[in-house]
Amino acid sequence: MAGNNARWPYTFQTDAPRMLEQMREGEICTLFIDVQDQDFGRYQAKLSSERDAHGPLRFLDWPRCFADQGTPSRFLGYCRP
């Protein structure tokens, strides 16, 4: 496979300070969230109240960089600032 494209599931229920630390340590640069995930209710508080027609604009301190065409969108992507 060309390039470095490691993907894996992550438990977004981790407390926010620890989660940010783990993402920095793991050199994670993009988060992809399925808002229809069965556990979404447990971590949706990490999403900002600031939103547009697609959904929240931030996850913790990361800005949204992708939303599918739905309104609201099912899939949201957040990229390291």
PDB file of N, CA and C in Angstrom:
ATOM      1  N   MET A   1       0.839  -1.167   0.000  1.00  0.00           N
ATOM      2  CA  MET A   1       0.000   0.000   0.000  1.00  0.00           C
ATOM      3  C   MET A   1       0.893   1.243   0.000  1.00  0.00           C
ATOM      4  N   ALA A   2       0.578   2.185  -0.830  1.00  0.00           N
ATOM      5  CA  ALA A   2       1.376   3.417  -0.920  1.00  0.00           C
ATOM      6  C   ALA A   2       1.006   4.366   0.199  1.00  0.00           C
ATOM      7  N   GLY A   3       2.001   5.033   0.765  1.00  0.00           N
ATOM      8  CA  GLY A   3       1.751   6.043   1.796  1.00  0.00           C
ATOM      9  C   GLY A   3       1.440   5.430   3.149  1.00  0.00           C
ATOM     10  N   ASN A   4       1.185   6.306   4.105  1.00  0.00           N
ATOM     11  CA  ASN A   4       0.862   5.873   5.458  1.00  0.00           C
ATOM     12  C   ASN A   4      -0.607   6.170   5.709  1.00  0.00           C
ATOM     13  N   ASN A   5      -1.445   5.170   5.648  1.00  0.00           N
ATOM     14  CA  ASN A   5      -2.881   5.348   5.770  1.00  0.00           C
ATOM     15  C   ASN A   5      -3.427   4.367   6.800  1.00  0.00           C
ATOM     16  N   ALA A   6      -2.965   4.495   8.027  1.00  0.00           N
ATOM     17  CA  ALA A   6      -3.419   3.595   9.089  1.00  0.00           C
ATOM     18  C   ALA A   6      -4.808   4.022   9.542  1.00  0.00           C
ATOM     19  N   ARG A   7      -5.720   3.073   9.613  1.00  0.00           N
ATOM     20  CA  ARG A   7      -7.074   3.342  10.077  1.00  0.00           C
ATOM     21  C   ARG A   7      -7.447   2.301  11.128  1.00  0.00           C
ATOM     22  N   TRP A   8      -8.115   2.749  12.179  1.00  0.00           N
ATOM     23  CA  TRP A   8      -8.578   1.810  13.194  1.00  0.00           C
ATOM     24  C   TRP A   8      -9.714   2.437  13.990  1.00  0.00           C
ATOM     25  N   PRO A   9     -10.597   1.598  14.559  1.00  0.00           N
ATOM     26  CA  PRO A   9     -11.670   2.130  15.402  1.00  0.00           C
ATOM     27  C   PRO A   9     -11.097   2.632  16.723  1.00  0.00           C
ATOM     28  N   TYR A  10     -11.739   3.628  17.290  1.00  0.00           N
ATOM     29  CA  TYR A  10     -11.260   4.232  18.537  1.00  0.00           C
ATOM     30  C   TYR A  10     -12.456   4.477  19.445  1.00  0.00           C
ATOM     31  N   THR A  11     -12.272   4.287  20.744  1.00  0.00           N
ATOM     32  CA  THR A  11     -13.343   4.535  21.708  1.00  0.00           C
ATOM     33  C   THR A  11     -13.390   6.017  22.037  1.00  0.00           C
ATOM     34  N   PHE A  12     -14.333   6.720  21.457  1.00  0.00           N
ATOM     35  CA  PHE A  12     -14.471   8.156  21.666  1.00  0.00           C
ATOM     36  C   PHE A  12     -14.999   8.495  23.056  1.00  0.00           C
ATOM     37  N   GLN A  13     -15.301   7.486  23.858  1.00  0.00           N
ATOM     38  CA  GLN A  13     -15.816   7.712  25.207  1.00  0.00           C
ATOM     39  C   GLN A  13     -14.708   8.036  26.194  1.00  0.00           C
ATOM     40  N   THR A  14     -13.467   7.907  25.789  1.00  0.00           N
ATOM     41  CA  THR A  14     -12.325   8.268  26.631  1.00  0.00           C
ATOM     42  C   THR A  14     -12.477   9.721  27.064  1.00  0.00           C
ATOM     43  N   ASP A  15     -12.071  10.056  28.308  1.00  0.00           N
ATOM     44  CA  ASP A  15     -12.213  11.440  28.748  1.00  0.00           C
ATOM     45  C   ASP A  15     -11.398  12.348  27.836  1.00  0.00           C
ATOM     46  N   ALA A  16     -11.882  13.595  27.657  1.00  0.00           N
ATOM     47  CA  ALA A  16     -11.332  14.506  26.648  1.00  0.00           C
ATOM     48  C   ALA A  16      -9.831  14.759  26.776  1.00  0.00           C
ATOM     49  N   PRO A  17      -9.293  15.092  27.963  1.00  0.00           N
ATOM     50  CA  PRO A  17      -7.846  15.350  28.031  1.00  0.00           C
ATOM     51  C   PRO A  17      -7.019  14.132  27.610  1.00  0.00           C
ATOM     52  N   ARG A  18      -7.411  12.941  28.060  1.00  0.00           N
ATOM     53  CA  ARG A  18      -6.674  11.725  27.703  1.00  0.00           C
ATOM     54  C   ARG A  18      -6.804  11.433  26.209  1.00  0.00           C
ATOM     55  N   MET A  19      -7.988  11.643  25.670  1.00  0.00           N
ATOM     56  CA  MET A  19      -8.208  11.386  24.252  1.00  0.00           C
ATOM     57  C   MET A  19      -7.325  12.287  23.397  1.00  0.00           C
ATOM     58  N   LEU A  20      -7.261  13.577  23.713  1.00  0.00           N
ATOM     59  CA  LEU A  20      -6.407  14.498  22.963  1.00  0.00           C
ATOM     60  C   LEU A  20      -4.940  14.086  23.063  1.00  0.00           C
ATOM     61  N   GLU A  21      -4.524  13.645  24.248  1.00  0.00           N
ATOM     62  CA  GLU A  21      -3.147  13.191  24.437  1.00  0.00           C
ATOM     63  C   GLU A  21      -2.853  11.966  23.573  1.00  0.00           C
ATOM     64  N   GLN A  22      -3.772  10.996  23.582  1.00  0.00           N
ATOM     65  CA  GLN A  22      -3.574   9.778  22.790  1.00  0.00           C
ATOM     66  C   GLN A  22      -3.538  10.083  21.299  1.00  0.00           C
ATOM     67  N   MET A  23      -4.365  11.022  20.865  1.00  0.00           N
ATOM     68  CA  MET A  23      -4.368  11.373  19.443  1.00  0.00           C
ATOM     69  C   MET A  23      -3.054  12.038  19.053  1.00  0.00           C
ATOM     70  N   ARG A  24      -2.521  12.888  19.921  1.00  0.00           N
ATOM     71  CA  ARG A  24      -1.216  13.507  19.645  1.00  0.00           C
ATOM     72  C   ARG A  24      -0.118  12.446  19.600  1.00  0.00           C
ATOM     73  N   GLU A  25      -0.113  11.570  20.599  1.00  0.00           N
ATOM     74  CA  GLU A  25       0.910  10.522  20.663  1.00  0.00           C
ATOM     75  C   GLU A  25       0.835   9.584  19.466  1.00  0.00           C
ATOM     76  N   GLY A  26      -0.366   9.279  19.019  1.00  0.00           N
ATOM     77  CA  GLY A  26      -0.561   8.359  17.901  1.00  0.00           C
ATOM     78  C   GLY A  26      -0.474   9.027  16.551  1.00  0.00           C
ATOM     79  N   GLU A  27      -0.168  10.313  16.544  1.00  0.00           N
ATOM     80  CA  GLU A  27      -0.057  11.082  15.318  1.00  0.00           C
ATOM     81  C   GLU A  27      -1.315  10.968  14.464  1.00  0.00           C
ATOM     82  N   ILE A  28      -2.462  10.916  15.116  1.00  0.00           N
ATOM     83  CA  ILE A  28      -3.748  10.875  14.418  1.00  0.00           C
ATOM     84  C   ILE A  28      -4.020  12.261  13.854  1.00  0.00           C
ATOM     85  N   CYS A  29      -4.447  12.329  12.606  1.00  0.00           N
ATOM     86  CA  CYS A  29      -4.704  13.637  12.010  1.00  0.00           C
ATOM     87  C   CYS A  29      -6.143  13.796  11.528  1.00  0.00           C
ATOM     88  N   THR A  30      -6.930  12.735  11.529  1.00  0.00           N
ATOM     89  CA  THR A  30      -8.324  12.830  11.113  1.00  0.00           C
ATOM     90  C   THR A  30      -9.188  11.898  11.963  1.00  0.00           C
ATOM     91  N   LEU A  31     -10.345  12.414  12.385  1.00  0.00           N
ATOM     92  CA  LEU A  31     -11.342  11.608  13.085  1.00  0.00           C
ATOM     93  C   LEU A  31     -12.562  11.507  12.179  1.00  0.00           C
ATOM     94  N   PHE A  32     -13.131  10.329  12.086  1.00  0.00           N
ATOM     95  CA  PHE A  32     -14.313  10.107  11.262  1.00  0.00           C
ATOM     96  C   PHE A  32     -15.406   9.583  12.176  1.00  0.00           C
ATOM     97  N   ILE A  33     -16.534  10.286  12.237  1.00  0.00           N
ATOM     98  CA  ILE A  33     -17.604   9.936  13.165  1.00  0.00           C
ATOM     99  C   ILE A  33     -18.876   9.577  12.406  1.00  0.00           C
ATOM    100  N   ASP A  34     -19.459   8.437  12.768  1.00  0.00           N
ATOM    101  CA  ASP A  34     -20.760   8.006  12.267  1.00  0.00           C
ATOM    102  C   ASP A  34     -21.776   8.355  13.343  1.00  0.00           C
ATOM    103  N   VAL A  35     -22.597   9.355  13.114  1.00  0.00           N
ATOM    104  CA  VAL A  35     -23.531   9.797  14.145  1.00  0.00           C
ATOM    105  C   VAL A  35     -24.656   8.790  14.377  1.00  0.00           C
ATOM    106  N   GLN A  36     -24.720   7.740  13.549  1.00  0.00           N
ATOM    107  CA  GLN A  36     -25.689   6.671  13.789  1.00  0.00           C
ATOM    108  C   GLN A  36     -25.075   5.481  14.516  1.00  0.00           C
ATOM    109  N   ASP A  37     -23.813   5.633  14.940  1.00  0.00           N
ATOM    110  CA  ASP A  37     -23.147   4.603  15.730  1.00  0.00           C
ATOM    111  C   ASP A  37     -23.944   4.363  17.009  1.00  0.00           C
ATOM    112  N   GLN A  38     -24.066   3.124  17.432  1.00  0.00           N
ATOM    113  CA  GLN A  38     -24.873   2.809  18.611  1.00  0.00           C
ATOM    114  C   GLN A  38     -24.363   3.470  19.884  1.00  0.00           C
ATOM    115  N   ASP A  39     -23.077   3.812  19.960  1.00  0.00           N
ATOM    116  CA  ASP A  39     -22.518   4.457  21.146  1.00  0.00           C
ATOM    117  C   ASP A  39     -22.423   5.976  21.018  1.00  0.00           C
ATOM    118  N   PHE A  40     -22.939   6.541  19.937  1.00  0.00           N
ATOM    119  CA  PHE A  40     -22.810   7.978  19.696  1.00  0.00           C
ATOM    120  C   PHE A  40     -23.318   8.820  20.871  1.00  0.00           C
ATOM    121  N   GLY A  41     -24.389   8.428  21.499  1.00  0.00           N
ATOM    122  CA  GLY A  41     -24.945   9.188  22.620  1.00  0.00           C
ATOM    123  C   GLY A  41     -23.980   9.347  23.780  1.00  0.00           C
ATOM    124  N   ARG A  42     -23.026   8.438  23.910  1.00  0.00           N
ATOM    125  CA  ARG A  42     -22.083   8.484  25.026  1.00  0.00           C
ATOM    126  C   ARG A  42     -20.970   9.514  24.835  1.00  0.00           C
ATOM    127  N   TYR A  43     -20.742   9.928  23.604  1.00  0.00           N
ATOM    128  CA  TYR A  43     -19.647  10.881  23.388  1.00  0.00           C
ATOM    129  C   TYR A  43     -20.068  12.128  22.613  1.00  0.00           C
ATOM    130  N   GLN A  44     -21.339  12.283  22.314  1.00  0.00           N
ATOM    131  CA  GLN A  44     -21.757  13.440  21.529  1.00  0.00           C
ATOM    132  C   GLN A  44     -21.506  14.768  22.238  1.00  0.00           C
ATOM    133  N   ALA A  45     -21.320  14.756  23.560  1.00  0.00           N
ATOM    134  CA  ALA A  45     -21.017  15.990  24.288  1.00  0.00           C
ATOM    135  C   ALA A  45     -19.658  16.572  23.876  1.00  0.00           C
ATOM    136  N   LYS A  46     -18.796  15.773  23.256  1.00  0.00           N
ATOM    137  CA  LYS A  46     -17.500  16.276  22.802  1.00  0.00           C
ATOM    138  C   LYS A  46     -17.631  17.109  21.525  1.00  0.00           C
ATOM    139  N   LEU A  47     -18.802  17.058  20.903  1.00  0.00           N
ATOM    140  CA  LEU A  47     -19.065  17.853  19.708  1.00  0.00           C
ATOM    141  C   LEU A  47     -19.566  19.229  20.132  1.00  0.00           C
ATOM    142  N   SER A  48     -19.162  20.251  19.404  1.00  0.00           N
ATOM    143  CA  SER A  48     -19.534  21.618  19.771  1.00  0.00           C
ATOM    144  C   SER A  48     -21.021  21.868  19.539  1.00  0.00           C
ATOM    145  N   SER A  49     -21.535  22.853  20.245  1.00  0.00           N
ATOM    146  CA  SER A  49     -22.920  23.280  20.014  1.00  0.00           C
ATOM    147  C   SER A  49     -22.993  24.149  18.765  1.00  0.00           C
ATOM    148  N   GLU A  50     -21.856  24.682  18.320  1.00  0.00           N
ATOM    149  CA  GLU A  50     -21.805  25.464  17.087  1.00  0.00           C
ATOM    150  C   GLU A  50     -21.960  24.506  15.910  1.00  0.00           C
ATOM    151  N   ARG A  51     -22.942  24.770  15.046  1.00  0.00           N
ATOM    152  CA  ARG A  51     -23.233  23.829  13.970  1.00  0.00           C
ATOM    153  C   ARG A  51     -23.734  24.554  12.738  1.00  0.00           C
ATOM    154  N   ASP A  52     -23.784  23.801  11.649  1.00  0.00           N
ATOM    155  CA  ASP A  52     -24.431  24.268  10.431  1.00  0.00           C
ATOM    156  C   ASP A  52     -25.438  23.189  10.037  1.00  0.00           C
ATOM    157  N   ALA A  53     -25.934  23.237   8.823  1.00  0.00           N
ATOM    158  CA  ALA A  53     -26.966  22.278   8.402  1.00  0.00           C
ATOM    159  C   ALA A  53     -26.476  20.835   8.414  1.00  0.00           C
ATOM    160  N   HIS A  54     -25.160  20.633   8.330  1.00  0.00           N
ATOM    161  CA  HIS A  54     -24.611  19.270   8.325  1.00  0.00           C
ATOM    162  C   HIS A  54     -24.360  18.733   9.719  1.00  0.00           C
ATOM    163  N   GLY A  55     -24.157  19.605  10.696  1.00  0.00           N
ATOM    164  CA  GLY A  55     -23.912  19.145  12.056  1.00  0.00           C
ATOM    165  C   GLY A  55     -22.852  19.978  12.757  1.00  0.00           C
ATOM    166  N   PRO A  56     -22.339  19.474  13.886  1.00  0.00           N
ATOM    167  CA  PRO A  56     -21.358  20.207  14.689  1.00  0.00           C
ATOM    168  C   PRO A  56     -20.103  20.571  13.899  1.00  0.00           C
ATOM    169  N   LEU A  57     -19.573  21.757  14.180  1.00  0.00           N
ATOM    170  CA  LEU A  57     -18.396  22.264  13.461  1.00  0.00           C
ATOM    171  C   LEU A  57     -17.080  21.847  14.109  1.00  0.00           C
ATOM    172  N   ARG A  58     -17.109  21.362  15.351  1.00  0.00           N
ATOM    173  CA  ARG A  58     -15.878  20.960  16.024  1.00  0.00           C
ATOM    174  C   ARG A  58     -16.109  19.682  16.837  1.00  0.00           C
ATOM    175  N   PHE A  59     -15.028  18.912  16.986  1.00  0.00           N
ATOM    176  CA  PHE A  59     -14.984  17.772  17.905  1.00  0.00           C
ATOM    177  C   PHE A  59     -13.805  18.052  18.821  1.00  0.00           C
ATOM    178  N   LEU A  60     -14.078  18.254  20.101  1.00  0.00           N
ATOM    179  CA  LEU A  60     -13.071  18.754  21.026  1.00  0.00           C
ATOM    180  C   LEU A  60     -12.492  20.024  20.419  1.00  0.00           C
ATOM    181  N   ASP A  61     -11.209  20.104  20.172  1.00  0.00           N
ATOM    182  CA  ASP A  61     -10.673  21.345  19.582  1.00  0.00           C
ATOM    183  C   ASP A  61     -10.330  21.187  18.101  1.00  0.00           C
ATOM    184  N   TRP A  62     -10.845  20.147  17.460  1.00  0.00           N
ATOM    185  CA  TRP A  62     -10.549  19.908  16.047  1.00  0.00           C
ATOM    186  C   TRP A  62     -11.692  20.419  15.170  1.00  0.00           C
ATOM    187  N   PRO A  63     -11.404  21.202  14.125  1.00  0.00           N
ATOM    188  CA  PRO A  63     -12.454  21.688  13.229  1.00  0.00           C
ATOM    189  C   PRO A  63     -12.943  20.593  12.280  1.00  0.00           C
ATOM    190  N   ARG A  64     -14.186  20.723  11.870  1.00  0.00           N
ATOM    191  CA  ARG A  64     -14.733  19.761  10.910  1.00  0.00           C
ATOM    192  C   ARG A  64     -14.139  20.031   9.539  1.00  0.00           C
ATOM    193  N   CYS A  65     -13.740  18.966   8.857  1.00  0.00           N
ATOM    194  CA  CYS A  65     -13.149  19.090   7.526  1.00  0.00           C
ATOM    195  C   CYS A  65     -13.909  18.267   6.487  1.00  0.00           C
ATOM    196  N   PHE A  66     -14.956  17.566   6.913  1.00  0.00           N
ATOM    197  CA  PHE A  66     -15.759  16.776   5.974  1.00  0.00           C
ATOM    198  C   PHE A  66     -17.147  16.566   6.557  1.00  0.00           C
ATOM    199  N   ALA A  67     -18.145  16.588   5.696  1.00  0.00           N
ATOM    200  CA  ALA A  67     -19.501  16.163   6.031  1.00  0.00           C
ATOM    201  C   ALA A  67     -20.106  15.597   4.758  1.00  0.00           C
ATOM    202  N   ASP A  68     -20.869  14.508   4.875  1.00  0.00           N
ATOM    203  CA  ASP A  68     -21.505  14.000   3.667  1.00  0.00           C
ATOM    204  C   ASP A  68     -22.625  14.959   3.251  1.00  0.00           C
ATOM    205  N   GLN A  69     -23.309  14.649   2.187  1.00  0.00           N
ATOM    206  CA  GLN A  69     -24.284  15.575   1.613  1.00  0.00           C
ATOM    207  C   GLN A  69     -25.593  15.678   2.403  1.00  0.00           C
ATOM    208  N   GLY A  70     -25.801  14.795   3.371  1.00  0.00           N
ATOM    209  CA  GLY A  70     -27.043  14.836   4.144  1.00  0.00           C
ATOM    210  C   GLY A  70     -27.160  16.090   4.992  1.00  0.00           C
ATOM    211  N   THR A  71     -28.383  16.428   5.357  1.00  0.00           N
ATOM    212  CA  THR A  71     -28.606  17.556   6.273  1.00  0.00           C
ATOM    213  C   THR A  71     -29.638  17.129   7.310  1.00  0.00           C
ATOM    214  N   PRO A  72     -29.234  16.705   8.495  1.00  0.00           N
ATOM    215  CA  PRO A  72     -27.838  16.638   8.934  1.00  0.00           C
ATOM    216  C   PRO A  72     -27.109  15.447   8.309  1.00  0.00           C
ATOM    217  N   SER A  73     -25.801  15.514   8.340  1.00  0.00           N
ATOM    218  CA  SER A  73     -24.969  14.459   7.759  1.00  0.00           C
ATOM    219  C   SER A  73     -24.853  13.286   8.715  1.00  0.00           C
ATOM    220  N   ARG A  74     -24.744  12.103   8.147  1.00  0.00           N
ATOM    221  CA  ARG A  74     -24.490  10.923   8.977  1.00  0.00           C
ATOM    222  C   ARG A  74     -23.009  10.825   9.317  1.00  0.00           C
ATOM    223  N   PHE A  75     -22.143  11.121   8.348  1.00  0.00           N
ATOM    224  CA  PHE A  75     -20.704  10.976   8.532  1.00  0.00           C
ATOM    225  C   PHE A  75     -20.048  12.351   8.613  1.00  0.00           C
ATOM    226  N   LEU A  76     -19.241  12.539   9.660  1.00  0.00           N
ATOM    227  CA  LEU A  76     -18.543  13.802   9.883  1.00  0.00           C
ATOM    228  C   LEU A  76     -17.061  13.518  10.078  1.00  0.00           C
ATOM    229  N   GLY A  77     -16.239  14.334   9.475  1.00  0.00           N
ATOM    230  CA  GLY A  77     -14.791  14.199   9.637  1.00  0.00           C
ATOM    231  C   GLY A  77     -14.236  15.438  10.300  1.00  0.00           C
ATOM    232  N   TYR A  78     -13.277  15.244  11.199  1.00  0.00           N
ATOM    233  CA  TYR A  78     -12.618  16.340  11.902  1.00  0.00           C
ATOM    234  C   TYR A  78     -11.117  16.166  11.733  1.00  0.00           C
ATOM    235  N   CYS A  79     -10.421  17.263  11.431  1.00  0.00           N
ATOM    236  CA  CYS A  79      -8.978  17.201  11.142  1.00  0.00           C
ATOM    237  C   CYS A  79      -8.191  17.984  12.165  1.00  0.00           C
ATOM    238  N   ARG A  80      -7.019  17.453  12.495  1.00  0.00           N
ATOM    239  CA  ARG A  80      -6.147  18.137  13.454  1.00  0.00           C
ATOM    240  C   ARG A  80      -5.838  19.538  12.939  1.00  0.00           C
ATOM    241  N   PRO A  81      -6.008  20.544  13.814  1.00  0.00           N
ATOM    242  CA  PRO A  81      -5.737  21.926  13.374  1.00  0.00           C
ATOM    243  C   PRO A  81      -4.260  22.153  13.098  1.00  0.00           C
TER     244      PRO A  81
END
